[in-house]
Amino acid sequence: MMLGAMARSYPQLVRGRPRDEEADVALVDATLALLAEQGYSGLRMEAVAARAGVAKATLYRRWPDKVSLTIAALSRIPELPAVDTGSLSGDLAALRDAVVRLFKTTRLASVLPALAAERVRRTSASAKIDAFIRTRYQPWIAAIERAIARGELPRTSADPVLIADLLAGVMMQRVFFTGGRVDDKAWKTVVDIVVKGLRAAASSPGG
């Protein structure tokens, strides 16, 4: 449903743009389009070059394999903003809005499941994939760490990554598996459940 949306996130090719930059833009766009259409398993380097109108040698000089090419293409998708609204609720609302915006304006939602499947199938690709995901996940973790530092969340045995997983995981579950939405009301409910649960755990004996 987002096959054409990436065009809004890339600079348009204009007369006078250096040939190398033109090739990079064309290859990235072609890679994301084919990933969305065929998944990672169906991605072929030759098909990317053909879709982009670029020689195969040009593609292989830049990226020697599918994993490197895919990560490079995904890295061109805008990152989540480093928000700091002064409150956990404000930060999480801003992050949710940013994720929804990325899913609507890029191919991220259609490409991530293919990447996750490849991580499970081919462990040799996991290090590069993990590094990409870890970088993109940092704004969620930073929001939790700030909330703990401000005293909005208790210092518990649960590390910030796990807490971020609880929150972001709800959005991923709905988007990728159930087709549901996480609107403002649902998101506030999720945040409330997680925050109250953490506070209750911290105040209980042994918490």
Protein backbone atom coordinates (compact mmCIF):
# COMPACT_ATOMS: atom_id res chain seq x y z
CA MET A 1 0.00 0.00 0.00
CA MET A 2 3.08 2.24 0.28
CA LEU A 3 4.81 1.32 -2.99
CA GLY A 4 4.80 4.86 -4.31
CA ALA A 5 5.24 6.75 -1.08
CA MET A 6 9.02 6.64 -0.89
CA ALA A 7 9.22 9.17 -3.69
CA ARG A 8 8.22 11.82 -1.17
CA SER A 9 11.21 10.97 1.03
CA TYR A 10 13.90 11.12 -1.65
CA PRO A 11 15.29 14.11 -3.46
CA GLN A 12 14.02 14.27 -7.01
CA LEU A 13 16.58 13.63 -9.73
CA VAL A 14 17.29 16.93 -11.40
CA ARG A 15 19.45 18.03 -14.29
CA GLY A 16 22.99 18.60 -13.13
CA ARG A 17 22.96 16.16 -10.19
CA PRO A 18 26.24 14.19 -10.14
CA ARG A 19 25.97 10.82 -11.82
CA ASP A 20 27.13 8.90 -8.72
CA GLU A 21 24.42 10.49 -6.60
CA GLU A 22 21.81 9.79 -9.29
CA ALA A 23 22.84 6.14 -9.29
CA ASP A 24 22.71 5.91 -5.50
CA VAL A 25 19.22 7.38 -5.33
CA ALA A 26 17.97 5.13 -8.13
CA LEU A 27 19.46 1.99 -6.58
CA VAL A 28 18.10 2.73 -3.11
CA ASP A 29 14.63 3.43 -4.44
CA ALA A 30 14.70 0.29 -6.58
CA THR A 31 15.83 -1.81 -3.62
CA LEU A 32 13.05 -0.59 -1.36
CA ALA A 33 10.46 -1.07 -4.11
CA LEU A 34 11.53 -4.66 -4.78
CA LEU A 35 11.73 -5.49 -1.08
CA ALA A 36 8.17 -4.24 -0.64
CA GLU A 37 6.95 -6.17 -3.68
CA GLN A 38 8.87 -9.45 -3.32
CA GLY A 39 10.34 -9.60 0.16
CA TYR A 40 13.97 -10.14 1.01
CA SER A 41 14.07 -13.70 -0.30
CA GLY A 42 12.88 -12.51 -3.71
CA LEU A 43 15.35 -9.64 -3.94
CA ARG A 44 17.95 -10.09 -6.69
CA MET A 45 20.89 -7.78 -7.22
CA GLU A 46 20.43 -8.01 -10.99
CA ALA A 47 16.78 -7.00 -10.64
CA VAL A 48 17.74 -3.98 -8.55
CA ALA A 49 20.22 -2.84 -11.17
CA ALA A 50 17.67 -3.33 -13.94
CA ARG A 51 14.92 -1.47 -12.04
CA ALA A 52 17.30 1.41 -11.35
CA GLY A 53 18.60 1.50 -14.92
CA VAL A 54 22.16 1.09 -13.61
CA ALA A 55 24.88 -1.33 -14.69
CA LYS A 56 25.36 -4.36 -12.42
CA ALA A 57 29.03 -3.44 -12.00
CA THR A 58 27.99 -0.06 -10.61
CA LEU A 59 25.75 -1.75 -8.04
CA TYR A 60 28.37 -4.29 -6.95
CA ARG A 61 31.02 -1.59 -6.56
CA ARG A 62 28.81 0.03 -3.95
CA TRP A 63 27.28 -2.98 -2.20
CA PRO A 64 28.67 -6.50 -2.60
CA ASP A 65 25.68 -8.43 -1.25
CA LYS A 66 21.96 -8.22 -0.51
CA VAL A 67 22.31 -7.57 3.20
CA SER A 68 24.64 -4.61 2.71
CA LEU A 69 22.40 -3.24 -0.03
CA THR A 70 19.26 -3.64 2.06
CA ILE A 71 20.77 -2.00 5.14
CA ALA A 72 22.08 0.87 3.01
CA ALA A 73 18.64 1.36 1.49
CA LEU A 74 16.89 1.26 4.85
CA SER A 75 19.43 3.70 6.26
CA ARG A 76 18.18 6.30 3.77
CA ILE A 77 14.77 6.23 5.45
CA PRO A 78 14.54 9.10 7.97
CA GLU A 79 15.28 8.19 11.57
CA LEU A 80 12.93 8.79 14.46
CA PRO A 81 13.46 12.25 15.94
CA ALA A 82 15.41 12.64 19.17
CA VAL A 83 12.43 14.04 21.07
CA ASP A 84 12.61 15.50 24.57
CA THR A 85 9.31 17.10 25.56
CA GLY A 86 10.06 17.09 29.28
CA SER A 87 7.69 14.25 30.13
CA LEU A 88 7.42 10.54 29.40
CA SER A 89 3.89 10.85 28.07
CA GLY A 90 4.93 13.66 25.73
CA ASP A 91 7.98 11.80 24.49
CA LEU A 92 6.06 8.59 23.83
CA ALA A 93 3.25 10.43 22.07
CA ALA A 94 5.79 12.14 19.82
CA LEU A 95 7.52 8.85 19.07
CA ARG A 96 4.24 7.14 18.26
CA ASP A 97 3.31 9.96 15.89
CA ALA A 98 6.74 9.75 14.24
CA VAL A 99 6.43 5.99 13.71
CA VAL A 100 2.96 6.37 12.20
CA ARG A 101 4.26 9.10 9.92
CA LEU A 102 7.19 6.94 8.76
CA PHE A 103 4.90 4.00 8.08
CA LYS A 104 2.64 6.23 5.99
CA THR A 105 5.31 8.06 4.02
CA THR A 106 7.99 5.38 3.50
CA ARG A 107 8.20 1.68 2.73
CA LEU A 108 9.45 0.91 6.24
CA ALA A 109 6.36 -1.04 7.32
CA SER A 110 6.49 -3.31 4.28
CA VAL A 111 10.25 -3.90 4.41
CA LEU A 112 10.87 -4.53 8.12
CA PRO A 113 9.00 -7.88 8.24
CA ALA A 114 11.12 -9.16 5.35
CA LEU A 115 14.27 -8.09 7.16
CA ALA A 116 13.18 -9.72 10.41
CA ALA A 117 12.45 -12.98 8.60
CA GLU A 118 15.88 -12.94 7.01
CA ARG A 119 17.49 -12.41 10.39
CA VAL A 120 15.92 -15.64 11.61
CA ARG A 121 16.71 -17.61 8.45
CA ARG A 122 20.30 -16.51 7.96
CA THR A 123 22.30 -15.87 11.09
CA SER A 124 25.22 -14.53 9.05
CA ALA A 125 23.07 -11.48 8.33
CA SER A 126 22.03 -10.90 11.93
CA ALA A 127 24.96 -8.69 13.00
CA LYS A 128 24.33 -6.07 10.31
CA ILE A 129 20.58 -6.21 10.81
CA ASP A 130 20.92 -5.93 14.59
CA ALA A 131 23.20 -2.91 14.27
CA PHE A 132 20.66 -1.16 12.07
CA ILE A 133 17.73 -1.91 14.40
CA ARG A 134 19.73 -0.92 17.49
CA THR A 135 20.51 2.50 16.03
CA ARG A 136 16.88 3.13 15.03
CA TYR A 137 15.65 2.00 18.45
CA GLN A 138 17.69 4.49 20.47
CA PRO A 139 15.02 7.24 20.74
CA TRP A 140 12.70 4.79 22.54
CA ILE A 141 15.41 3.76 24.99
CA ALA A 142 16.47 7.38 25.54
CA ALA A 143 12.88 8.34 26.41
CA ILE A 144 12.73 5.61 29.06
CA GLU A 145 16.12 6.58 30.50
CA ARG A 146 15.04 10.22 30.80
CA ALA A 147 11.81 9.19 32.52
CA ILE A 148 13.79 7.16 35.06
CA ALA A 149 16.18 10.07 35.64
CA ARG A 150 13.21 12.44 36.19
CA GLY A 151 11.58 10.01 38.61
CA GLU A 152 8.56 9.38 36.37
CA LEU A 153 9.51 5.71 36.26
CA PRO A 154 11.02 3.79 39.15
CA ARG A 155 14.44 2.24 39.01
CA THR A 156 13.56 -1.42 38.72
CA SER A 157 15.28 -4.62 37.66
CA ALA A 158 13.73 -4.11 34.20
CA ASP A 159 16.27 -2.38 31.97
CA PRO A 160 15.23 0.47 29.66
CA VAL A 161 15.47 -1.75 26.57
CA LEU A 162 12.91 -4.17 27.98
CA ILE A 163 10.55 -1.34 28.92
CA ALA A 164 10.91 0.13 25.42
CA ASP A 165 10.13 -3.32 24.01
CA LEU A 166 6.88 -3.42 25.98
CA LEU A 167 5.79 -0.10 24.49
CA ALA A 168 7.05 -0.26 20.92
CA GLY A 169 6.12 -3.94 20.69
CA VAL A 170 2.43 -3.10 20.88
CA MET A 171 2.67 -0.99 17.73
CA MET A 172 4.67 -3.63 15.88
CA GLN A 173 2.22 -6.37 16.87
CA ARG A 174 -0.74 -4.43 15.53
CA VAL A 175 0.88 -3.14 12.38
CA PHE A 176 2.54 -6.39 11.30
CA PHE A 177 0.30 -9.14 12.67
CA THR A 178 -3.24 -8.03 13.42
CA GLY A 179 -3.72 -5.12 11.05
CA GLY A 180 -4.98 -2.99 13.91
CA ARG A 181 -4.26 0.61 14.76
CA VAL A 182 -2.83 2.25 17.84
CA ASP A 183 -4.74 5.52 18.01
CA ASP A 184 -4.26 8.19 20.68
CA LYS A 185 -6.69 6.57 23.11
CA ALA A 186 -5.21 3.10 22.74
CA TRP A 187 -1.66 4.45 23.05
CA LYS A 188 -2.46 6.31 26.27
CA THR A 189 -3.95 3.09 27.66
CA VAL A 190 -0.80 1.14 26.77
CA VAL A 191 1.49 3.72 28.36
CA ASP A 192 -0.71 3.85 31.48
CA ILE A 193 -0.64 0.06 31.88
CA VAL A 194 3.14 -0.12 31.54
CA VAL A 195 3.82 2.81 33.89
CA LYS A 196 1.41 1.56 36.57
CA GLY A 197 2.80 -1.95 36.25
CA LEU A 198 6.38 -0.77 36.74
CA ARG A 199 5.43 1.35 39.74
CA ALA A 200 3.51 -1.51 41.32
CA ALA A 201 6.41 -3.90 40.75
CA ALA A 202 8.85 -1.43 42.31
CA SER A 203 6.71 -0.92 45.42
CA SER A 204 6.03 -4.61 46.04
CA PRO A 205 8.27 -6.64 48.39
CA GLY A 206 11.43 -7.52 46.56
CA GLY A 207 10.61 -5.04 43.77
